[in-house]
Amino acid sequence: IDDEYAAKYYTHVRDMAVLAAEIEASR
């Protein structure tokens, strides 16, 4: 991703996925 806003947006989406996976692992 070479667009600055899109990179920030999708980094946030990735962080949601990672946190949801952490929640599942610790559940």
PDB file of all heavy atoms in Angstrom:
ATOM      1  N   ILE A   1       0.862  -1.191   0.000  1.00  0.00           N
ATOM      2  CA  ILE A   1       0.000   0.000   0.000  1.00  0.00           C
ATOM      3  C   ILE A   1       0.892   1.232   0.000  1.00  0.00           C
ATOM      4  O   ILE A   1       1.676   1.441   0.929  1.00  0.00           O
ATOM      5  CB  ILE A   1      -0.945   0.010   1.225  1.00  0.00           C
ATOM      6  CG1 ILE A   1      -1.883  -1.185   1.181  1.00  0.00           C
ATOM      7  CG2 ILE A   1      -1.727   1.323   1.288  1.00  0.00           C
ATOM      8  CD1 ILE A   1      -2.753  -1.340   2.415  1.00  0.00           C
ATOM      9  N   ASP A   2       0.740   2.060  -1.051  1.00  0.00           N
ATOM     10  CA  ASP A   2       1.594   3.240  -1.152  1.00  0.00           C
ATOM     11  C   ASP A   2       0.871   4.542  -0.806  1.00  0.00           C
ATOM     12  O   ASP A   2       1.466   5.609  -0.863  1.00  0.00           O
ATOM     13  CB  ASP A   2       2.233   3.328  -2.538  1.00  0.00           C
ATOM     14  CG  ASP A   2       1.209   3.401  -3.652  1.00  0.00           C
ATOM     15  OD1 ASP A   2      -0.005   3.394  -3.368  1.00  0.00           O
ATOM     16  OD2 ASP A   2       1.629   3.464  -4.825  1.00  0.00           O
ATOM     17  N   ASP A   3      -0.369   4.456  -0.409  1.00  0.00           N
ATOM     18  CA  ASP A   3      -1.142   5.626   0.004  1.00  0.00           C
ATOM     19  C   ASP A   3      -1.042   5.755   1.528  1.00  0.00           C
ATOM     20  O   ASP A   3      -1.326   4.801   2.252  1.00  0.00           O
ATOM     21  CB  ASP A   3      -2.605   5.442  -0.433  1.00  0.00           C
ATOM     22  CG  ASP A   3      -3.489   6.571   0.020  1.00  0.00           C
ATOM     23  OD1 ASP A   3      -3.599   7.567  -0.705  1.00  0.00           O
ATOM     24  OD2 ASP A   3      -4.072   6.450   1.127  1.00  0.00           O
ATOM     25  N   GLU A   4      -0.639   6.919   2.017  1.00  0.00           N
ATOM     26  CA  GLU A   4      -0.394   7.108   3.452  1.00  0.00           C
ATOM     27  C   GLU A   4      -1.657   6.866   4.292  1.00  0.00           C
ATOM     28  O   GLU A   4      -1.612   6.165   5.306  1.00  0.00           O
ATOM     29  CB  GLU A   4       0.141   8.519   3.710  1.00  0.00           C
ATOM     30  CG  GLU A   4       0.517   8.769   5.158  1.00  0.00           C
ATOM     31  CD  GLU A   4       1.073  10.162   5.387  1.00  0.00           C
ATOM     32  OE1 GLU A   4       1.448  10.852   4.415  1.00  0.00           O
ATOM     33  OE2 GLU A   4       1.122  10.561   6.561  1.00  0.00           O
ATOM     34  N   TYR A   5      -2.780   7.457   3.874  1.00  0.00           N
ATOM     35  CA  TYR A   5      -4.006   7.265   4.652  1.00  0.00           C
ATOM     36  C   TYR A   5      -4.440   5.801   4.633  1.00  0.00           C
ATOM     37  O   TYR A   5      -4.793   5.229   5.666  1.00  0.00           O
ATOM     38  CB  TYR A   5      -5.147   8.155   4.130  1.00  0.00           C
ATOM     39  CG  TYR A   5      -6.440   7.863   4.847  1.00  0.00           C
ATOM     40  CD1 TYR A   5      -6.647   8.324   6.153  1.00  0.00           C
ATOM     41  CD2 TYR A   5      -7.433   7.087   4.261  1.00  0.00           C
ATOM     42  CE1 TYR A   5      -7.820   8.031   6.838  1.00  0.00           C
ATOM     43  CE2 TYR A   5      -8.607   6.787   4.942  1.00  0.00           C
ATOM     44  CZ  TYR A   5      -8.795   7.260   6.220  1.00  0.00           C
ATOM     45  OH  TYR A   5      -9.948   6.957   6.914  1.00  0.00           O
ATOM     46  N   ALA A   6      -4.398   5.176   3.464  1.00  0.00           N
ATOM     47  CA  ALA A   6      -4.813   3.774   3.353  1.00  0.00           C
ATOM     48  C   ALA A   6      -3.907   2.871   4.177  1.00  0.00           C
ATOM     49  O   ALA A   6      -4.377   1.916   4.806  1.00  0.00           O
ATOM     50  CB  ALA A   6      -4.834   3.336   1.894  1.00  0.00           C
ATOM     51  N   ALA A   7      -2.623   3.154   4.194  1.00  0.00           N
ATOM     52  CA  ALA A   7      -1.696   2.352   4.998  1.00  0.00           C
ATOM     53  C   ALA A   7      -2.050   2.459   6.482  1.00  0.00           C
ATOM     54  O   ALA A   7      -2.068   1.452   7.207  1.00  0.00           O
ATOM     55  CB  ALA A   7      -0.266   2.792   4.757  1.00  0.00           C
ATOM     56  N   LYS A   8      -2.371   3.663   6.929  1.00  0.00           N
ATOM     57  CA  LYS A   8      -2.775   3.859   8.331  1.00  0.00           C
ATOM     58  C   LYS A   8      -4.099   3.142   8.607  1.00  0.00           C
ATOM     59  O   LYS A   8      -4.260   2.477   9.635  1.00  0.00           O
ATOM     60  CB  LYS A   8      -2.904   5.360   8.618  1.00  0.00           C
ATOM     61  CG  LYS A   8      -3.284   5.673  10.035  1.00  0.00           C
ATOM     62  CD  LYS A   8      -3.376   7.168  10.256  1.00  0.00           C
ATOM     63  CE  LYS A   8      -3.897   7.455  11.652  1.00  0.00           C
ATOM     64  NZ  LYS A   8      -4.109   8.876  11.888  1.00  0.00           N
ATOM     65  N   TYR A   9      -5.035   3.272   7.690  1.00  0.00           N
ATOM     66  CA  TYR A   9      -6.350   2.642   7.830  1.00  0.00           C
ATOM     67  C   TYR A   9      -6.212   1.123   7.945  1.00  0.00           C
ATOM     68  O   TYR A   9      -6.756   0.503   8.849  1.00  0.00           O
ATOM     69  CB  TYR A   9      -7.208   3.021   6.616  1.00  0.00           C
ATOM     70  CG  TYR A   9      -8.605   2.451   6.614  1.00  0.00           C
ATOM     71  CD1 TYR A   9      -9.655   3.187   7.159  1.00  0.00           C
ATOM     72  CD2 TYR A   9      -8.886   1.211   6.057  1.00  0.00           C
ATOM     73  CE1 TYR A   9     -10.956   2.687   7.139  1.00  0.00           C
ATOM     74  CE2 TYR A   9     -10.177   0.708   6.035  1.00  0.00           C
ATOM     75  CZ  TYR A   9     -11.208   1.450   6.579  1.00  0.00           C
ATOM     76  OH  TYR A   9     -12.487   0.950   6.571  1.00  0.00           O
ATOM     77  N   TYR A  10      -5.463   0.527   7.019  1.00  0.00           N
ATOM     78  CA  TYR A  10      -5.332  -0.934   7.015  1.00  0.00           C
ATOM     79  C   TYR A  10      -4.406  -1.447   8.127  1.00  0.00           C
ATOM     80  O   TYR A  10      -4.546  -2.587   8.550  1.00  0.00           O
ATOM     81  CB  TYR A  10      -4.925  -1.446   5.638  1.00  0.00           C
ATOM     82  CG  TYR A  10      -6.127  -1.549   4.742  1.00  0.00           C
ATOM     83  CD1 TYR A  10      -6.386  -0.577   3.790  1.00  0.00           C
ATOM     84  CD2 TYR A  10      -7.034  -2.593   4.885  1.00  0.00           C
ATOM     85  CE1 TYR A  10      -7.522  -0.657   2.985  1.00  0.00           C
ATOM     86  CE2 TYR A  10      -8.168  -2.678   4.092  1.00  0.00           C
ATOM     87  CZ  TYR A  10      -8.404  -1.706   3.148  1.00  0.00           C
ATOM     88  OH  TYR A  10      -9.525  -1.780   2.365  1.00  0.00           O
ATOM     89  N   THR A  11      -3.505  -0.617   8.614  1.00  0.00           N
ATOM     90  CA  THR A  11      -2.728  -1.003   9.792  1.00  0.00           C
ATOM     91  C   THR A  11      -3.662  -1.116  10.988  1.00  0.00           C
ATOM     92  O   THR A  11      -3.540  -2.044  11.804  1.00  0.00           O
ATOM     93  CB  THR A  11      -1.600   0.012  10.064  1.00  0.00           C
ATOM     94  OG1 THR A  11      -0.705  -0.006   8.952  1.00  0.00           O
ATOM     95  CG2 THR A  11      -0.846  -0.326  11.343  1.00  0.00           C
ATOM     96  N   HIS A  12      -4.619  -0.213  11.071  1.00  0.00           N
ATOM     97  CA  HIS A  12      -5.619  -0.271  12.142  1.00  0.00           C
ATOM     98  C   HIS A  12      -6.474  -1.540  12.003  1.00  0.00           C
ATOM     99  O   HIS A  12      -6.763  -2.212  13.000  1.00  0.00           O
ATOM    100  CB  HIS A  12      -6.498   0.994  12.103  1.00  0.00           C
ATOM    101  CG  HIS A  12      -7.458   1.094  13.235  1.00  0.00           C
ATOM    102  ND1 HIS A  12      -7.130   1.657  14.444  1.00  0.00           N
ATOM    103  CD2 HIS A  12      -8.742   0.698  13.347  1.00  0.00           C
ATOM    104  CE1 HIS A  12      -8.174   1.596  15.249  1.00  0.00           C
ATOM    105  NE2 HIS A  12      -9.173   1.018  14.600  1.00  0.00           N
ATOM    106  N   VAL A  13      -6.849  -1.878  10.785  1.00  0.00           N
ATOM    107  CA  VAL A  13      -7.631  -3.099  10.544  1.00  0.00           C
ATOM    108  C   VAL A  13      -6.811  -4.321  10.960  1.00  0.00           C
ATOM    109  O   VAL A  13      -7.309  -5.228  11.630  1.00  0.00           O
ATOM    110  CB  VAL A  13      -8.075  -3.204   9.065  1.00  0.00           C
ATOM    111  CG1 VAL A  13      -8.774  -4.527   8.793  1.00  0.00           C
ATOM    112  CG2 VAL A  13      -8.986  -2.040   8.687  1.00  0.00           C
ATOM    113  N   ARG A  14      -5.526  -4.325  10.583  1.00  0.00           N
ATOM    114  CA  ARG A  14      -4.656  -5.432  10.984  1.00  0.00           C
ATOM    115  C   ARG A  14      -4.559  -5.530  12.505  1.00  0.00           C
ATOM    116  O   ARG A  14      -4.634  -6.618  13.083  1.00  0.00           O
ATOM    117  CB  ARG A  14      -3.246  -5.241  10.411  1.00  0.00           C
ATOM    118  CG  ARG A  14      -2.337  -6.426  10.697  1.00  0.00           C
ATOM    119  CD  ARG A  14      -0.977  -6.195  11.299  1.00  0.00           C
ATOM    120  NE  ARG A  14      -0.728  -4.998  11.994  1.00  0.00           N
ATOM    121  CZ  ARG A  14       0.347  -4.242  11.798  1.00  0.00           C
ATOM    122  NH1 ARG A  14       1.236  -4.558  10.882  1.00  0.00           N
ATOM    123  NH2 ARG A  14       0.527  -3.156  12.516  1.00  0.00           N
ATOM    124  N   ASP A  15      -4.430  -4.396  13.172  1.00  0.00           N
ATOM    125  CA  ASP A  15      -4.334  -4.394  14.631  1.00  0.00           C
ATOM    126  C   ASP A  15      -5.607  -4.941  15.272  1.00  0.00           C
ATOM    127  O   ASP A  15      -5.541  -5.624  16.296  1.00  0.00           O
ATOM    128  CB  ASP A  15      -4.022  -2.991  15.144  1.00  0.00           C
ATOM    129  CG  ASP A  15      -2.628  -2.514  14.749  1.00  0.00           C
ATOM    130  OD1 ASP A  15      -1.804  -3.337  14.283  1.00  0.00           O
ATOM    131  OD2 ASP A  15      -2.366  -1.296  14.895  1.00  0.00           O
ATOM    132  N   MET A  16      -6.765  -4.667  14.655  1.00  0.00           N
ATOM    133  CA  MET A  16      -8.017  -5.257  15.157  1.00  0.00           C
ATOM    134  C   MET A  16      -7.980  -6.769  15.015  1.00  0.00           C
ATOM    135  O   MET A  16      -8.391  -7.496  15.926  1.00  0.00           O
ATOM    136  CB  MET A  16      -9.237  -4.714  14.390  1.00  0.00           C
ATOM    137  CG  MET A  16      -9.637  -3.336  14.768  1.00  0.00           C
ATOM    138  SD  MET A  16     -11.254  -2.824  14.098  1.00  0.00           S
ATOM    139  CE  MET A  16     -11.224  -3.351  12.417  1.00  0.00           C
ATOM    140  N   ALA A  17      -7.501  -7.257  13.880  1.00  0.00           N
ATOM    141  CA  ALA A  17      -7.421  -8.700  13.648  1.00  0.00           C
ATOM    142  C   ALA A  17      -6.473  -9.352  14.643  1.00  0.00           C
ATOM    143  O   ALA A  17      -6.787 -10.409  15.213  1.00  0.00           O
ATOM    144  CB  ALA A  17      -6.965  -8.989  12.215  1.00  0.00           C
ATOM    145  N   VAL A  18      -5.343  -8.736  14.876  1.00  0.00           N
ATOM    146  CA  VAL A  18      -4.361  -9.291  15.811  1.00  0.00           C
ATOM    147  C   VAL A  18      -4.933  -9.319  17.223  1.00  0.00           C
ATOM    148  O   VAL A  18      -4.809 -10.320  17.937  1.00  0.00           O
ATOM    149  CB  VAL A  18      -3.039  -8.490  15.753  1.00  0.00           C
ATOM    150  CG1 VAL A  18      -2.109  -8.854  16.900  1.00  0.00           C
ATOM    151  CG2 VAL A  18      -2.356  -8.713  14.410  1.00  0.00           C
ATOM    152  N   LEU A  19      -5.585  -8.244  17.637  1.00  0.00           N
ATOM    153  CA  LEU A  19      -6.165  -8.202  18.974  1.00  0.00           C
ATOM    154  C   LEU A  19      -7.288  -9.229  19.114  1.00  0.00           C
ATOM    155  O   LEU A  19      -7.387  -9.923  20.135  1.00  0.00           O
ATOM    156  CB  LEU A  19      -6.670  -6.798  19.310  1.00  0.00           C
ATOM    157  CG  LEU A  19      -7.233  -6.608  20.716  1.00  0.00           C
ATOM    158  CD1 LEU A  19      -6.244  -7.066  21.793  1.00  0.00           C
ATOM    159  CD2 LEU A  19      -7.630  -5.149  20.930  1.00  0.00           C
ATOM    160  N   ALA A  20      -8.121  -9.368  18.101  1.00  0.00           N
ATOM    161  CA  ALA A  20      -9.185 -10.387  18.143  1.00  0.00           C
ATOM    162  C   ALA A  20      -8.575 -11.783  18.243  1.00  0.00           C
ATOM    163  O   ALA A  20      -9.077 -12.633  18.996  1.00  0.00           O
ATOM    164  CB  ALA A  20     -10.081 -10.273  16.913  1.00  0.00           C
ATOM    165  N   ALA A  21      -7.478 -12.034  17.526  1.00  0.00           N
ATOM    166  CA  ALA A  21      -6.795 -13.329  17.611  1.00  0.00           C
ATOM    167  C   ALA A  21      -6.202 -13.547  18.998  1.00  0.00           C
ATOM    168  O   ALA A  21      -6.262 -14.658  19.540  1.00  0.00           O
ATOM    169  CB  ALA A  21      -5.712 -13.425  16.542  1.00  0.00           C
ATOM    170  N   GLU A  22      -5.650 -12.497  19.597  1.00  0.00           N
ATOM    171  CA  GLU A  22      -5.127 -12.604  20.964  1.00  0.00           C
ATOM    172  C   GLU A  22      -6.251 -12.920  21.950  1.00  0.00           C
ATOM    173  O   GLU A  22      -6.068 -13.733  22.860  1.00  0.00           O
ATOM    174  CB  GLU A  22      -4.444 -11.304  21.380  1.00  0.00           C
ATOM    175  CG  GLU A  22      -3.125 -11.051  20.722  1.00  0.00           C
ATOM    176  CD  GLU A  22      -2.548  -9.686  21.087  1.00  0.00           C
ATOM    177  OE1 GLU A  22      -3.057  -9.016  22.011  1.00  0.00           O
ATOM    178  OE2 GLU A  22      -1.569  -9.289  20.436  1.00  0.00           O
ATOM    179  N   ILE A  23      -7.386 -12.280  21.762  1.00  0.00           N
ATOM    180  CA  ILE A  23      -8.546 -12.540  22.629  1.00  0.00           C
ATOM    181  C   ILE A  23      -8.956 -13.998  22.504  1.00  0.00           C
ATOM    182  O   ILE A  23      -9.195 -14.679  23.499  1.00  0.00           O
ATOM    183  CB  ILE A  23      -9.707 -11.588  22.289  1.00  0.00           C
ATOM    184  CG1 ILE A  23      -9.370 -10.177  22.779  1.00  0.00           C
ATOM    185  CG2 ILE A  23     -11.028 -12.087  22.876  1.00  0.00           C
ATOM    186  CD1 ILE A  23     -10.294  -9.095  22.260  1.00  0.00           C
ATOM    187  N   GLU A  24      -9.015 -14.488  21.282  1.00  0.00           N
ATOM    188  CA  GLU A  24      -9.385 -15.892  21.073  1.00  0.00           C
ATOM    189  C   GLU A  24      -8.376 -16.839  21.702  1.00  0.00           C
ATOM    190  O   GLU A  24      -8.742 -17.845  22.302  1.00  0.00           O
ATOM    191  CB  GLU A  24      -9.547 -16.194  19.589  1.00  0.00           C
ATOM    192  CG  GLU A  24     -10.832 -15.689  19.020  1.00  0.00           C
ATOM    193  CD  GLU A  24     -12.043 -16.261  19.730  1.00  0.00           C
ATOM    194  OE1 GLU A  24     -12.164 -17.494  19.828  1.00  0.00           O
ATOM    195  OE2 GLU A  24     -12.864 -15.473  20.198  1.00  0.00           O
ATOM    196  N   ALA A  25      -7.101 -16.515  21.584  1.00  0.00           N
ATOM    197  CA  ALA A  25      -6.067 -17.377  22.154  1.00  0.00           C
ATOM    198  C   ALA A  25      -6.139 -17.394  23.675  1.00  0.00           C
ATOM    199  O   ALA A  25      -5.916 -18.435  24.301  1.00  0.00           O
ATOM    200  CB  ALA A  25      -4.690 -16.918  21.697  1.00  0.00           C
ATOM    201  N   SER A  26      -6.479 -16.270  24.269  1.00  0.00           N
ATOM    202  CA  SER A  26      -6.532 -16.214  25.732  1.00  0.00           C
ATOM    203  C   SER A  26      -7.889 -16.640  26.289  1.00  0.00           C
ATOM    204  O   SER A  26      -8.005 -16.923  27.472  1.00  0.00           O
ATOM    205  CB  SER A  26      -6.175 -14.816  26.226  1.00  0.00           C
ATOM    206  OG  SER A  26      -7.113 -13.871  25.800  1.00  0.00           O
ATOM    207  N   ARG A  27      -8.894 -16.710  25.424  1.00  0.00           N
ATOM    208  CA  ARG A  27     -10.244 -17.055  25.886  1.00  0.00           C
ATOM    209  C   ARG A  27     -10.283 -18.435  26.546  1.00  0.00           C
ATOM    210  O   ARG A  27     -10.960 -18.630  27.552  1.00  0.00           O
ATOM    211  CB  ARG A  27     -11.213 -16.994  24.715  1.00  0.00           C
ATOM    212  CG  ARG A  27     -12.642 -17.276  25.108  1.00  0.00           C
ATOM    213  CD  ARG A  27     -13.600 -16.921  24.001  1.00  0.00           C
ATOM    214  NE  ARG A  27     -14.112 -15.589  24.296  1.00  0.00           N
ATOM    215  CZ  ARG A  27     -14.186 -14.593  23.434  1.00  0.00           C
ATOM    216  NH1 ARG A  27     -13.786 -14.752  22.206  1.00  0.00           N
ATOM    217  NH2 ARG A  27     -14.666 -13.430  23.794  1.00  0.00           N
TER     218      ARG A  27
END
